[in-house]
């Protein structure tokens, strides 16, 4: 595994980048002691989002369906004296 100091990162980054491309990982030292690990970035896989059935999610939160008679009673109560 390759190593580079913090000073190397500042002054000769192209050389450090070439080491990183070659080895894939570099240990960055701070005053002679290993302090950080520098790795190449690999983006997460671009999975397509699942098709979400929002109506099914809504029904999962409403355990009982309202009866037709109760629905009519609610409609009549909401109308009032019009």
PDB file of N, CA and C in Angstrom:
ATOM      1  N   UNK A   1       0.850  -1.168   0.000  1.00  0.00           N
ATOM      2  CA  UNK A   1       0.000   0.000   0.000  1.00  0.00           C
ATOM      3  C   UNK A   1       0.896   1.231   0.000  1.00  0.00           C
ATOM      4  N   UNK A   2       0.543   2.168  -0.848  1.00  0.00           N
ATOM      5  CA  UNK A   2       1.334   3.382  -0.993  1.00  0.00           C
ATOM      6  C   UNK A   2       1.045   4.344   0.154  1.00  0.00           C
ATOM      7  N   UNK A   3       2.033   5.168   0.448  1.00  0.00           N
ATOM      8  CA  UNK A   3       1.853   6.192   1.474  1.00  0.00           C
ATOM      9  C   UNK A   3       2.219   7.553   0.896  1.00  0.00           C
ATOM     10  N   UNK A   4       1.614   8.577   1.458  1.00  0.00           N
ATOM     11  CA  UNK A   4       1.916   9.951   1.078  1.00  0.00           C
ATOM     12  C   UNK A   4       1.690  10.814   2.303  1.00  0.00           C
ATOM     13  N   UNK A   5       2.452  11.875   2.391  1.00  0.00           N
ATOM     14  CA  UNK A   5       2.272  12.781   3.522  1.00  0.00           C
ATOM     15  C   UNK A   5       1.293  13.883   3.144  1.00  0.00           C
ATOM     16  N   UNK A   6       0.876  14.621   4.132  1.00  0.00           N
ATOM     17  CA  UNK A   6      -0.017  15.741   3.866  1.00  0.00           C
ATOM     18  C   UNK A   6       0.683  16.764   2.980  1.00  0.00           C
ATOM     19  N   UNK A   7       1.964  16.930   3.192  1.00  0.00           N
ATOM     20  CA  UNK A   7       2.740  17.855   2.349  1.00  0.00           C
ATOM     21  C   UNK A   7       2.738  17.386   0.894  1.00  0.00           C
ATOM     22  N   UNK A   8       2.846  16.069   0.689  1.00  0.00           N
ATOM     23  CA  UNK A   8       2.795  15.544  -0.679  1.00  0.00           C
ATOM     24  C   UNK A   8       1.465  15.869  -1.353  1.00  0.00           C
ATOM     25  N   UNK A   9       0.393  15.807  -0.588  1.00  0.00           N
ATOM     26  CA  UNK A   9      -0.907  16.143  -1.147  1.00  0.00           C
ATOM     27  C   UNK A   9      -0.951  17.598  -1.612  1.00  0.00           C
ATOM     28  N   UNK A  10      -0.316  18.477  -0.863  1.00  0.00           N
ATOM     29  CA  UNK A  10      -0.327  19.896  -1.229  1.00  0.00           C
ATOM     30  C   UNK A  10       0.624  20.200  -2.379  1.00  0.00           C
ATOM     31  N   UNK A  11       1.814  19.640  -2.337  1.00  0.00           N
ATOM     32  CA  UNK A  11       2.841  20.057  -3.292  1.00  0.00           C
ATOM     33  C   UNK A  11       2.903  19.211  -4.554  1.00  0.00           C
ATOM     34  N   UNK A  12       2.625  17.938  -4.458  1.00  0.00           N
ATOM     35  CA  UNK A  12       2.743  17.090  -5.652  1.00  0.00           C
ATOM     36  C   UNK A  12       1.535  16.178  -5.789  1.00  0.00           C
ATOM     37  N   UNK A  13       0.385  16.788  -5.892  1.00  0.00           N
ATOM     38  CA  UNK A  13      -0.837  16.012  -5.983  1.00  0.00           C
ATOM     39  C   UNK A  13      -0.915  15.143  -7.238  1.00  0.00           C
ATOM     40  N   UNK A  14      -0.415  15.587  -8.396  1.00  0.00           N
ATOM     41  CA  UNK A  14      -0.487  14.703  -9.559  1.00  0.00           C
ATOM     42  C   UNK A  14       0.212  13.359  -9.334  1.00  0.00           C
ATOM     43  N   UNK A  15       1.324  13.365  -8.611  1.00  0.00           N
ATOM     44  CA  UNK A  15       2.013  12.109  -8.305  1.00  0.00           C
ATOM     45  C   UNK A  15       1.178  11.251  -7.355  1.00  0.00           C
ATOM     46  N   UNK A  16       0.559  11.895  -6.375  1.00  0.00           N
ATOM     47  CA  UNK A  16      -0.300  11.169  -5.436  1.00  0.00           C
ATOM     48  C   UNK A  16      -1.515  10.610  -6.162  1.00  0.00           C
ATOM     49  N   UNK A  17      -2.072  11.370  -7.081  1.00  0.00           N
ATOM     50  CA  UNK A  17      -3.224  10.899  -7.845  1.00  0.00           C
ATOM     51  C   UNK A  17      -2.853   9.702  -8.715  1.00  0.00           C
ATOM     52  N   UNK A  18      -1.657   9.713  -9.276  1.00  0.00           N
ATOM     53  CA  UNK A  18      -1.206   8.568 -10.069  1.00  0.00           C
ATOM     54  C   UNK A  18      -1.048   7.334  -9.177  1.00  0.00           C
ATOM     55  N   UNK A  19      -0.512   7.519  -7.970  1.00  0.00           N
ATOM     56  CA  UNK A  19      -0.406   6.397  -7.020  1.00  0.00           C
ATOM     57  C   UNK A  19      -1.793   5.870  -6.663  1.00  0.00           C
ATOM     58  N   UNK A  20      -2.716   6.768  -6.460  1.00  0.00           N
ATOM     59  CA  UNK A  20      -4.072   6.380  -6.110  1.00  0.00           C
ATOM     60  C   UNK A  20      -4.736   5.608  -7.248  1.00  0.00           C
ATOM     61  N   UNK A  21      -4.501   6.054  -8.476  1.00  0.00           N
ATOM     62  CA  UNK A  21      -5.069   5.353  -9.629  1.00  0.00           C
ATOM     63  C   UNK A  21      -4.448   3.962  -9.770  1.00  0.00           C
ATOM     64  N   UNK A  22      -3.178   3.850  -9.441  1.00  0.00           N
ATOM     65  CA  UNK A  22      -2.489   2.570  -9.574  1.00  0.00           C
ATOM     66  C   UNK A  22      -2.866   1.601  -8.457  1.00  0.00           C
ATOM     67  N   UNK A  23      -2.842   2.068  -7.204  1.00  0.00           N
ATOM     68  CA  UNK A  23      -3.056   1.178  -6.059  1.00  0.00           C
ATOM     69  C   UNK A  23      -4.501   1.148  -5.567  1.00  0.00           C
ATOM     70  N   UNK A  24      -5.243   2.219  -5.800  1.00  0.00           N
ATOM     71  CA  UNK A  24      -6.620   2.262  -5.344  1.00  0.00           C
ATOM     72  C   UNK A  24      -6.784   2.756  -3.920  1.00  0.00           C
ATOM     73  N   UNK A  25      -5.694   2.815  -3.173  1.00  0.00           N
ATOM     74  CA  UNK A  25      -5.776   3.249  -1.778  1.00  0.00           C
ATOM     75  C   UNK A  25      -4.418   3.771  -1.348  1.00  0.00           C
ATOM     76  N   UNK A  26      -4.408   4.864  -0.618  1.00  0.00           N
ATOM     77  CA  UNK A  26      -3.167   5.474  -0.123  1.00  0.00           C
ATOM     78  C   UNK A  26      -3.348   5.794   1.349  1.00  0.00           C
ATOM     79  N   UNK A  27      -2.328   5.507   2.133  1.00  0.00           N
ATOM     80  CA  UNK A  27      -2.313   5.902   3.540  1.00  0.00           C
ATOM     81  C   UNK A  27      -1.652   7.271   3.611  1.00  0.00           C
ATOM     82  N   UNK A  28      -2.371   8.234   4.162  1.00  0.00           N
ATOM     83  CA  UNK A  28      -1.854   9.593   4.298  1.00  0.00           C
ATOM     84  C   UNK A  28      -1.281   9.724   5.698  1.00  0.00           C
ATOM     85  N   UNK A  29      -0.035  10.182   5.758  1.00  0.00           N
ATOM     86  CA  UNK A  29       0.635  10.294   7.049  1.00  0.00           C
ATOM     87  C   UNK A  29       0.683  11.751   7.495  1.00  0.00           C
ATOM     88  N   UNK A  30       0.624  11.925   8.800  1.00  0.00           N
ATOM     89  CA  UNK A  30       0.743  13.238   9.414  1.00  0.00           C
ATOM     90  C   UNK A  30       1.885  13.155  10.411  1.00  0.00           C
ATOM     91  N   UNK A  31       2.992  13.828  10.093  1.00  0.00           N
ATOM     92  CA  UNK A  31       4.207  13.801  10.911  1.00  0.00           C
ATOM     93  C   UNK A  31       4.725  12.379  11.122  1.00  0.00           C
ATOM     94  N   UNK A  32       4.677  11.591  10.065  1.00  0.00           N
ATOM     95  CA  UNK A  32       5.233  10.249  10.103  1.00  0.00           C
ATOM     96  C   UNK A  32       4.297   9.165  10.603  1.00  0.00           C
ATOM     97  N   UNK A  33       3.135   9.537  11.085  1.00  0.00           N
ATOM     98  CA  UNK A  33       2.175   8.548  11.592  1.00  0.00           C
ATOM     99  C   UNK A  33       0.995   8.439  10.635  1.00  0.00           C
ATOM    100  N   UNK A  34       0.531   7.223  10.433  1.00  0.00           N
ATOM    101  CA  UNK A  34      -0.616   7.015   9.562  1.00  0.00           C
ATOM    102  C   UNK A  34      -1.831   7.702  10.182  1.00  0.00           C
ATOM    103  N   UNK A  35      -2.471   8.556   9.390  1.00  0.00           N
ATOM    104  CA  UNK A  35      -3.591   9.332   9.923  1.00  0.00           C
ATOM    105  C   UNK A  35      -4.883   9.116   9.139  1.00  0.00           C
ATOM    106  N   UNK A  36      -4.775   8.975   7.844  1.00  0.00           N
ATOM    107  CA  UNK A  36      -5.965   8.874   7.001  1.00  0.00           C
ATOM    108  C   UNK A  36      -5.743   7.828   5.920  1.00  0.00           C
ATOM    109  N   UNK A  37      -6.855   7.367   5.365  1.00  0.00           N
ATOM    110  CA  UNK A  37      -6.803   6.480   4.213  1.00  0.00           C
ATOM    111  C   UNK A  37      -7.555   7.170   3.089  1.00  0.00           C
ATOM    112  N   UNK A  38      -6.909   7.287   1.956  1.00  0.00           N
ATOM    113  CA  UNK A  38      -7.498   7.935   0.795  1.00  0.00           C
ATOM    114  C   UNK A  38      -7.818   6.854  -0.236  1.00  0.00           C
ATOM    115  N   UNK A  39      -9.092   6.763  -0.618  1.00  0.00           N
ATOM    116  CA  UNK A  39      -9.540   5.746  -1.572  1.00  0.00           C
ATOM    117  C   UNK A  39     -10.180   6.408  -2.773  1.00  0.00           C
ATOM    118  N   UNK A  40     -10.209   5.698  -3.875  1.00  0.00           N
ATOM    119  CA  UNK A  40     -10.914   6.211  -5.039  1.00  0.00           C
ATOM    120  C   UNK A  40     -12.410   6.127  -4.778  1.00  0.00           C
ATOM    121  N   UNK A  41     -13.129   7.059  -5.346  1.00  0.00           N
ATOM    122  CA  UNK A  41     -14.576   7.118  -5.146  1.00  0.00           C
ATOM    123  C   UNK A  41     -15.261   6.195  -6.139  1.00  0.00           C
ATOM    124  N   UNK A  42     -16.179   5.409  -5.625  1.00  0.00           N
ATOM    125  CA  UNK A  42     -17.024   4.607  -6.504  1.00  0.00           C
ATOM    126  C   UNK A  42     -18.467   4.912  -6.132  1.00  0.00           C
ATOM    127  N   UNK A  43     -19.235   5.451  -7.072  1.00  0.00           N
ATOM    128  CA  UNK A  43     -20.610   5.839  -6.758  1.00  0.00           C
ATOM    129  C   UNK A  43     -21.468   4.618  -6.455  1.00  0.00           C
ATOM    130  N   UNK A  44     -22.482   4.805  -5.632  1.00  0.00           N
ATOM    131  CA  UNK A  44     -23.376   3.681  -5.336  1.00  0.00           C
ATOM    132  C   UNK A  44     -24.115   3.262  -6.601  1.00  0.00           C
ATOM    133  N   UNK A  45     -24.547   2.020  -6.651  1.00  0.00           N
ATOM    134  CA  UNK A  45     -25.266   1.573  -7.854  1.00  0.00           C
ATOM    135  C   UNK A  45     -26.546   2.369  -8.043  1.00  0.00           C
ATOM    136  N   UNK A  46     -26.821   2.676  -9.281  1.00  0.00           N
ATOM    137  CA  UNK A  46     -27.992   3.497  -9.609  1.00  0.00           C
ATOM    138  C   UNK A  46     -29.197   2.596  -9.843  1.00  0.00           C
ATOM    139  N   UNK A  47     -29.746   2.071  -8.761  1.00  0.00           N
ATOM    140  CA  UNK A  47     -30.945   1.252  -8.880  1.00  0.00           C
ATOM    141  C   UNK A  47     -32.139   2.155  -9.130  1.00  0.00           C
ATOM    142  N   UNK A  48     -33.007   1.694  -9.967  1.00  0.00           N
ATOM    143  CA  UNK A  48     -34.224   2.451 -10.204  1.00  0.00           C
ATOM    144  C   UNK A  48     -35.133   2.300  -9.000  1.00  0.00           C
ATOM    145  N   UNK A  49     -35.791   3.371  -8.603  1.00  0.00           N
ATOM    146  CA  UNK A  49     -36.708   3.256  -7.463  1.00  0.00           C
ATOM    147  C   UNK A  49     -37.881   2.346  -7.818  1.00  0.00           C
ATOM    148  N   UNK A  50     -38.361   1.662  -6.823  1.00  0.00           N
ATOM    149  CA  UNK A  50     -39.510   0.785  -7.018  1.00  0.00           C
ATOM    150  C   UNK A  50     -40.757   1.616  -7.282  1.00  0.00           C
ATOM    151  N   UNK A  51     -41.666   1.041  -8.034  1.00  0.00           N
ATOM    152  CA  UNK A  51     -42.958   1.699  -8.215  1.00  0.00           C
ATOM    153  C   UNK A  51     -43.736   1.545  -6.922  1.00  0.00           C
ATOM    154  N   UNK A  52     -44.063   2.660  -6.315  1.00  0.00           N
ATOM    155  CA  UNK A  52     -44.751   2.646  -5.031  1.00  0.00           C
ATOM    156  C   UNK A  52     -46.247   2.740  -5.273  1.00  0.00           C
ATOM    157  N   UNK A  53     -46.979   1.831  -4.686  1.00  0.00           N
ATOM    158  CA  UNK A  53     -48.436   1.859  -4.783  1.00  0.00           C
ATOM    159  C   UNK A  53     -48.955   2.643  -3.576  1.00  0.00           C
ATOM    160  N   UNK A  54     -49.210   3.923  -3.795  1.00  0.00           N
ATOM    161  CA  UNK A  54     -49.605   4.792  -2.698  1.00  0.00           C
ATOM    162  C   UNK A  54     -50.978   4.439  -2.145  1.00  0.00           C
ATOM    163  N   UNK A  55     -51.853   3.945  -3.001  1.00  0.00           N
ATOM    164  CA  UNK A  55     -53.175   3.562  -2.524  1.00  0.00           C
ATOM    165  C   UNK A  55     -53.077   2.380  -1.570  1.00  0.00           C
ATOM    166  N   UNK A  56     -52.224   1.408  -1.871  1.00  0.00           N
ATOM    167  CA  UNK A  56     -52.033   0.271  -0.969  1.00  0.00           C
ATOM    168  C   UNK A  56     -51.438   0.726   0.362  1.00  0.00           C
ATOM    169  N   UNK A  57     -50.504   1.676   0.311  1.00  0.00           N
ATOM    170  CA  UNK A  57     -49.941   2.218   1.551  1.00  0.00           C
ATOM    171  C   UNK A  57     -51.016   2.910   2.374  1.00  0.00           C
ATOM    172  N   UNK A  58     -51.909   3.638   1.711  1.00  0.00           N
ATOM    173  CA  UNK A  58     -52.985   4.319   2.410  1.00  0.00           C
ATOM    174  C   UNK A  58     -53.938   3.316   3.042  1.00  0.00           C
ATOM    175  N   UNK A  59     -54.281   2.265   2.298  1.00  0.00           N
ATOM    176  CA  UNK A  59     -55.193   1.253   2.830  1.00  0.00           C
ATOM    177  C   UNK A  59     -54.579   0.517   4.020  1.00  0.00           C
ATOM    178  N   UNK A  60     -53.258   0.393   4.045  1.00  0.00           N
ATOM    179  CA  UNK A  60     -52.600  -0.283   5.170  1.00  0.00           C
ATOM    180  C   UNK A  60     -52.776   0.497   6.460  1.00  0.00           C
ATOM    181  N   UNK A  61     -52.944   1.812   6.359  1.00  0.00           N
ATOM    182  CA  UNK A  61     -53.130   2.642   7.546  1.00  0.00           C
ATOM    183  C   UNK A  61     -54.591   2.786   7.933  1.00  0.00           C
ATOM    184  N   UNK A  62     -55.503   2.300   7.095  1.00  0.00           N
ATOM    185  CA  UNK A  62     -56.927   2.344   7.400  1.00  0.00           C
ATOM    186  C   UNK A  62     -57.434   0.906   7.467  1.00  0.00           C
ATOM    187  N   UNK A  63     -57.488   0.332   8.652  1.00  0.00           N
ATOM    188  CA  UNK A  63     -57.790  -1.094   8.750  1.00  0.00           C
ATOM    189  C   UNK A  63     -59.209  -1.477   8.342  1.00  0.00           C
ATOM    190  N   UNK A  64     -60.201  -0.616   8.529  1.00  0.00           N
ATOM    191  CA  UNK A  64     -61.590  -0.988   8.230  1.00  0.00           C
ATOM    192  C   UNK A  64     -62.150  -0.068   7.164  1.00  0.00           C
ATOM    193  N   UNK A  65     -62.828  -0.677   6.221  1.00  0.00           N
ATOM    194  CA  UNK A  65     -63.525   0.136   5.230  1.00  0.00           C
ATOM    195  C   UNK A  65     -64.834   0.615   5.838  1.00  0.00           C
ATOM    196  N   UNK A  66     -65.272   1.782   5.452  1.00  0.00           N
ATOM    197  CA  UNK A  66     -66.508   2.323   5.982  1.00  0.00           C
ATOM    198  C   UNK A  66     -67.681   1.688   5.219  1.00  0.00           C
ATOM    199  N   UNK A  67     -68.736   1.374   5.924  1.00  0.00           N
ATOM    200  CA  UNK A  67     -69.891   0.727   5.297  1.00  0.00           C
ATOM    201  C   UNK A  67     -70.667   1.750   4.472  1.00  0.00           C
ATOM    202  N   UNK A  68     -71.385   1.287   3.467  1.00  0.00           N
ATOM    203  CA  UNK A  68     -72.183   2.225   2.658  1.00  0.00           C
ATOM    204  C   UNK A  68     -73.220   2.976   3.492  1.00  0.00           C
ATOM    205  N   UNK A  69     -73.832   2.296   4.464  1.00  0.00           N
ATOM    206  CA  UNK A  69     -74.837   2.966   5.297  1.00  0.00           C
ATOM    207  C   UNK A  69     -74.190   4.085   6.119  1.00  0.00           C
ATOM    208  N   UNK A  70     -73.036   3.815   6.668  1.00  0.00           N
ATOM    209  CA  UNK A  70     -72.325   4.826   7.469  1.00  0.00           C
ATOM    210  C   UNK A  70     -71.880   5.983   6.583  1.00  0.00           C
ATOM    211  N   UNK A  71     -71.474   5.683   5.358  1.00  0.00           N
ATOM    212  CA  UNK A  71     -71.073   6.719   4.420  1.00  0.00           C
ATOM    213  C   UNK A  71     -72.241   7.650   4.100  1.00  0.00           C
ATOM    214  N   UNK A  72     -73.420   7.061   3.860  1.00  0.00           N
ATOM    215  CA  UNK A  72     -74.611   7.873   3.605  1.00  0.00           C
ATOM    216  C   UNK A  72     -74.962   8.729   4.819  1.00  0.00           C
ATOM    217  N   UNK A  73     -74.838   8.153   6.019  1.00  0.00           N
ATOM    218  CA  UNK A  73     -75.148   8.904   7.239  1.00  0.00           C
ATOM    219  C   UNK A  73     -74.196  10.084   7.394  1.00  0.00           C
ATOM    220  N   UNK A  74     -72.930   9.897   7.056  1.00  0.00           N
ATOM    221  CA  UNK A  74     -71.962  11.006   7.124  1.00  0.00           C
ATOM    222  C   UNK A  74     -72.305  12.083   6.110  1.00  0.00           C
ATOM    223  N   UNK A  75     -72.695  11.668   4.906  1.00  0.00           N
ATOM    224  CA  UNK A  75     -73.086  12.646   3.888  1.00  0.00           C
ATOM    225  C   UNK A  75     -74.289  13.460   4.345  1.00  0.00           C
ATOM    226  N   UNK A  76     -75.256  12.798   4.925  1.00  0.00           N
ATOM    227  CA  UNK A  76     -76.453  13.495   5.387  1.00  0.00           C
ATOM    228  C   UNK A  76     -76.116  14.442   6.541  1.00  0.00           C
ATOM    229  N   UNK A  77     -75.225  14.026   7.408  1.00  0.00           N
ATOM    230  CA  UNK A  77     -74.838  14.871   8.545  1.00  0.00           C
ATOM    231  C   UNK A  77     -74.066  16.090   8.067  1.00  0.00           C
ATOM    232  N   UNK A  78     -73.277  15.939   7.012  1.00  0.00           N
ATOM    233  CA  UNK A  78     -72.491  17.063   6.503  1.00  0.00           C
ATOM    234  C   UNK A  78     -73.354  18.078   5.768  1.00  0.00           C
ATOM    235  N   UNK A  79     -74.448  17.639   5.196  1.00  0.00           N
ATOM    236  CA  UNK A  79     -75.301  18.546   4.432  1.00  0.00           C
ATOM    237  C   UNK A  79     -76.032  19.539   5.318  1.00  0.00           C
ATOM    238  N   UNK A  80     -76.443  19.068   6.450  1.00  0.00           N
ATOM    239  CA  UNK A  80     -77.182  19.967   7.348  1.00  0.00           C
ATOM    240  C   UNK A  80     -78.505  20.362   6.744  1.00  0.00           C
ATOM    241  N   UNK A  81     -78.922  21.587   7.023  1.00  0.00           N
ATOM    242  CA  UNK A  81     -80.203  22.074   6.505  1.00  0.00           C
ATOM    243  C   UNK A  81     -79.940  23.017   5.352  1.00  0.00           C
ATOM    244  N   UNK A  82     -79.788  22.481   4.185  1.00  0.00           N
ATOM    245  CA  UNK A  82     -79.544  23.327   3.012  1.00  0.00           C
ATOM    246  C   UNK A  82     -80.778  23.516   2.219  1.00  0.00           C
TER     247      UNK A  82
END
